Amino acid sequence: MGMMTGDKSDMVMIIGGSAGSMPVLIGILQALPKNFRMPVVIVLHRMKNVESELNRLLAKETTINKIIEPDDKQPILNQVYLAPQNYHLLAEKDRTFSLDYSEPVNFSRPSIDVSFSSFSKAYLNKTIGILLSGANKDGAEGMKEIDDRDGLAIVQDPLTAQYPAMPNAAIRLVTGCQVLAPNEIIDLVRLLQ
């Protein structure tokens, strides 16, 4: 837990979710202080080829002025980002985004596993991964990589999840994960910022 003190500028918080994750995600975003000190990256399973206003909807529900869908090679700054529809969102070692159009993983593009894995390689033990409600196992493998690299692996308590399959898959795979109820996740986010 040494990650809670010191400089936050070289850390990243990445949040993965699918079915049933929206209420908890909005709670997390509402808990962010105005001058939060690390990038926050959101990877949600989204319908492809459907016009989406999800970034504006999330921004409207919170005090965050703007939620950005990043472009390829865009620097990762202290802002809130949302993985674009129909692309895997990756982090490069030079702390820029990379968009990838390869095959869906766990039937998903963007895939939470792909993003968790990529960000944990770029940020190592400075990665905070949060996995919320969802109906498949996407995110479990990537969460294991975050944990293996001594990052902070947080999983929504399946008893509080509308769709517990995703948290359950991560808990089975990741021995070092913290299993927290939504209010505990929100409290921890406040503490980490």
Protein backbone atom coordinates (compact mmCIF):
# COMPACT_ATOMS: atom_id res chain seq x y z
CA MET A 1 0.00 0.00 0.00
CA GLY A 2 3.01 2.30 -0.29
CA MET A 3 1.43 3.60 -3.46
CA MET A 4 -0.96 5.79 -1.43
CA THR A 5 1.76 8.24 -0.50
CA GLY A 6 4.16 10.34 -2.52
CA ASP A 7 4.06 11.53 -6.10
CA LYS A 8 0.98 10.45 -8.01
CA SER A 9 1.98 11.92 -11.37
CA ASP A 10 3.55 8.70 -12.63
CA MET A 11 0.54 6.55 -11.67
CA VAL A 12 -2.55 5.57 -13.64
CA MET A 13 -6.03 4.43 -12.60
CA ILE A 14 -7.75 2.18 -15.10
CA ILE A 15 -11.37 1.13 -14.61
CA GLY A 16 -13.01 -1.73 -16.49
CA GLY A 17 -16.71 -2.47 -16.56
CA SER A 18 -19.57 -3.91 -18.54
CA ALA A 19 -23.22 -4.66 -17.81
CA GLY A 20 -24.33 -3.11 -14.52
CA SER A 21 -21.16 -1.07 -13.98
CA MET A 22 -22.52 2.41 -14.78
CA PRO A 23 -23.85 3.40 -11.30
CA VAL A 24 -20.55 2.50 -9.59
CA LEU A 25 -18.51 4.16 -12.35
CA ILE A 26 -20.48 7.39 -11.96
CA GLY A 27 -19.93 7.22 -8.18
CA ILE A 28 -16.16 6.85 -8.72
CA LEU A 29 -16.05 9.80 -11.13
CA GLN A 30 -18.10 11.93 -8.72
CA ALA A 31 -15.54 11.13 -5.99
CA LEU A 32 -12.63 12.53 -8.01
CA PRO A 33 -11.49 15.90 -6.68
CA LYS A 34 -11.32 18.81 -9.14
CA ASN A 35 -7.50 18.68 -9.20
CA PHE A 36 -7.06 14.90 -9.32
CA ARG A 37 -3.44 13.89 -9.76
CA MET A 38 -3.34 10.92 -12.14
CA PRO A 39 -4.81 9.82 -15.45
CA VAL A 40 -8.10 7.93 -15.14
CA VAL A 41 -8.82 5.56 -18.02
CA ILE A 42 -12.25 3.95 -18.46
CA VAL A 43 -12.71 0.83 -20.57
CA LEU A 44 -16.35 -0.15 -21.04
CA HIS A 45 -17.91 -2.74 -23.29
CA ARG A 46 -19.74 -0.61 -25.84
CA MET A 47 -21.93 -1.28 -28.85
CA LYS A 48 -19.95 -0.83 -32.02
CA ASN A 49 -21.22 1.10 -35.03
CA VAL A 50 -23.84 2.87 -32.90
CA GLU A 51 -23.62 6.63 -32.37
CA SER A 52 -22.51 7.09 -28.77
CA GLU A 53 -22.61 10.09 -26.47
CA LEU A 54 -21.25 8.09 -23.53
CA ASN A 55 -18.37 10.48 -22.82
CA ARG A 56 -20.77 13.46 -22.68
CA LEU A 57 -23.27 11.50 -20.59
CA LEU A 58 -20.59 10.57 -18.04
CA ALA A 59 -19.26 14.14 -17.93
CA LYS A 60 -22.79 15.46 -17.35
CA GLU A 61 -23.26 13.12 -14.37
CA THR A 62 -20.05 14.35 -12.70
CA THR A 63 -18.08 17.52 -12.07
CA ILE A 64 -15.56 16.53 -14.74
CA ASN A 65 -15.78 19.04 -17.57
CA LYS A 66 -14.61 16.75 -20.30
CA ILE A 67 -14.11 13.03 -20.78
CA ILE A 68 -11.82 12.42 -23.72
CA GLU A 69 -11.82 9.57 -26.23
CA PRO A 70 -8.09 9.53 -26.98
CA ASP A 71 -6.48 9.46 -30.40
CA ASP A 72 -3.54 7.31 -31.39
CA LYS A 73 -0.20 8.67 -30.05
CA GLN A 74 -1.97 11.21 -27.78
CA PRO A 75 0.00 11.82 -24.52
CA ILE A 76 -1.55 10.33 -21.36
CA LEU A 77 -2.18 13.30 -19.04
CA ASN A 78 -4.08 13.87 -15.78
CA GLN A 79 -7.50 13.69 -17.39
CA VAL A 80 -10.36 11.23 -17.64
CA TYR A 81 -10.28 9.11 -20.79
CA LEU A 82 -12.82 6.73 -22.27
CA ALA A 83 -11.73 3.92 -24.60
CA PRO A 84 -13.18 4.67 -28.06
CA GLN A 85 -15.78 2.35 -29.57
CA ASN A 86 -14.46 -0.58 -31.56
CA TYR A 87 -10.75 -0.13 -30.65
CA HIS A 88 -8.52 -1.74 -28.05
CA LEU A 89 -6.90 1.02 -25.97
CA LEU A 90 -3.22 0.51 -25.18
CA ALA A 91 -0.52 2.45 -23.33
CA GLU A 92 2.97 2.81 -24.78
CA LYS A 93 6.11 2.95 -22.62
CA ASP A 94 6.49 6.66 -23.52
CA ARG A 95 3.08 7.27 -21.86
CA THR A 96 1.09 7.81 -25.04
CA PHE A 97 -2.06 6.01 -26.13
CA SER A 98 -2.18 3.50 -28.92
CA LEU A 99 -5.39 2.39 -30.64
CA ASP A 100 -5.55 -1.16 -31.91
CA TYR A 101 -8.08 -2.67 -34.31
CA SER A 102 -7.06 -6.33 -33.90
CA GLU A 103 -9.58 -9.09 -33.19
CA PRO A 104 -12.03 -8.76 -30.27
CA VAL A 105 -10.86 -10.40 -27.03
CA ASN A 106 -13.55 -12.01 -24.86
CA PHE A 107 -15.99 -10.92 -27.60
CA SER A 108 -15.06 -7.30 -26.85
CA ARG A 109 -13.26 -4.44 -28.57
CA PRO A 110 -12.31 -2.51 -26.51
CA SER A 111 -11.29 -5.40 -24.28
CA ILE A 112 -10.62 -4.74 -20.60
CA ASP A 113 -8.00 -7.53 -20.55
CA VAL A 114 -6.06 -5.94 -23.40
CA SER A 115 -6.06 -2.50 -21.72
CA PHE A 116 -5.26 -3.79 -18.20
CA SER A 117 -2.36 -5.83 -19.61
CA SER A 118 -0.98 -2.97 -21.70
CA PHE A 119 -1.21 -0.34 -18.94
CA SER A 120 0.38 -2.68 -16.39
CA LYS A 121 3.34 -3.16 -18.74
CA ALA A 122 3.73 0.61 -19.23
CA TYR A 123 3.13 1.68 -15.60
CA LEU A 124 4.24 -1.49 -13.74
CA ASN A 125 3.56 -1.19 -9.97
CA LYS A 126 2.08 2.30 -10.47
CA THR A 127 -1.09 0.82 -12.00
CA ILE A 128 -4.38 0.89 -10.11
CA GLY A 129 -6.87 -1.46 -11.75
CA ILE A 130 -10.55 -1.45 -10.81
CA LEU A 131 -12.88 -4.11 -12.23
CA LEU A 132 -16.63 -3.59 -11.93
CA SER A 133 -19.82 -5.52 -12.74
CA GLY A 134 -20.01 -7.45 -16.01
CA ALA A 135 -21.44 -10.57 -17.60
CA ASN A 136 -18.30 -12.30 -18.91
CA LYS A 137 -14.70 -12.91 -17.78
CA ASP A 138 -13.05 -9.95 -19.55
CA GLY A 139 -10.63 -8.19 -17.20
CA ALA A 140 -9.62 -11.19 -15.07
CA GLU A 141 -6.41 -12.02 -17.00
CA GLY A 142 -5.41 -8.36 -17.21
CA MET A 143 -6.11 -7.87 -13.50
CA LYS A 144 -3.76 -10.79 -12.79
CA GLU A 145 -1.02 -8.96 -14.74
CA ILE A 146 -1.60 -5.80 -12.70
CA ASP A 147 -1.32 -7.85 -9.50
CA ASP A 148 1.74 -9.77 -10.77
CA ARG A 149 3.51 -6.45 -11.38
CA ASP A 150 2.65 -5.27 -7.82
CA GLY A 151 0.00 -2.81 -8.95
CA LEU A 152 -3.21 -2.36 -6.98
CA ALA A 153 -5.93 -4.82 -8.08
CA ILE A 154 -9.43 -3.87 -6.92
CA VAL A 155 -12.51 -5.93 -7.75
CA GLN A 156 -16.12 -5.02 -7.02
CA ASP A 157 -17.62 -7.40 -4.47
CA PRO A 158 -19.72 -9.82 -6.60
CA LEU A 159 -22.48 -9.68 -3.98
CA THR A 160 -22.95 -5.99 -4.87
CA ALA A 161 -22.62 -6.44 -8.66
CA GLN A 162 -25.65 -6.51 -10.91
CA TYR A 163 -23.72 -9.01 -13.06
CA PRO A 164 -21.19 -10.86 -10.87
CA ALA A 165 -19.50 -13.01 -13.57
CA MET A 166 -16.71 -10.52 -14.28
CA PRO A 167 -15.74 -9.86 -10.63
CA ASN A 168 -16.01 -13.59 -9.83
CA ALA A 169 -13.65 -14.51 -12.69
CA ALA A 170 -11.06 -12.01 -11.41
CA ILE A 171 -11.36 -13.17 -7.79
CA ARG A 172 -10.79 -16.80 -8.87
CA LEU A 173 -7.67 -15.83 -10.81
CA VAL A 174 -6.10 -13.01 -8.77
CA THR A 175 -5.09 -14.03 -5.27
CA GLY A 176 -3.87 -10.56 -4.31
CA CYS A 177 -6.93 -8.56 -5.34
CA GLN A 178 -8.91 -6.45 -2.90
CA VAL A 179 -12.63 -7.23 -3.02
CA LEU A 180 -14.56 -4.07 -2.13
CA ALA A 181 -18.16 -2.89 -2.09
CA PRO A 182 -18.91 0.18 -4.27
CA ASN A 183 -18.78 2.63 -1.33
CA GLU A 184 -15.38 1.17 -0.30
CA ILE A 185 -14.06 1.54 -3.86
CA ILE A 186 -15.23 5.17 -3.89
CA ASP A 187 -13.59 5.84 -0.49
CA LEU A 188 -10.33 4.30 -1.75
CA VAL A 189 -10.40 6.42 -4.91
CA ARG A 190 -10.72 9.55 -2.73
CA LEU A 191 -7.77 8.36 -0.63
CA LEU A 192 -5.59 7.60 -3.66
CA GLN A 193 -6.12 11.03 -5.19
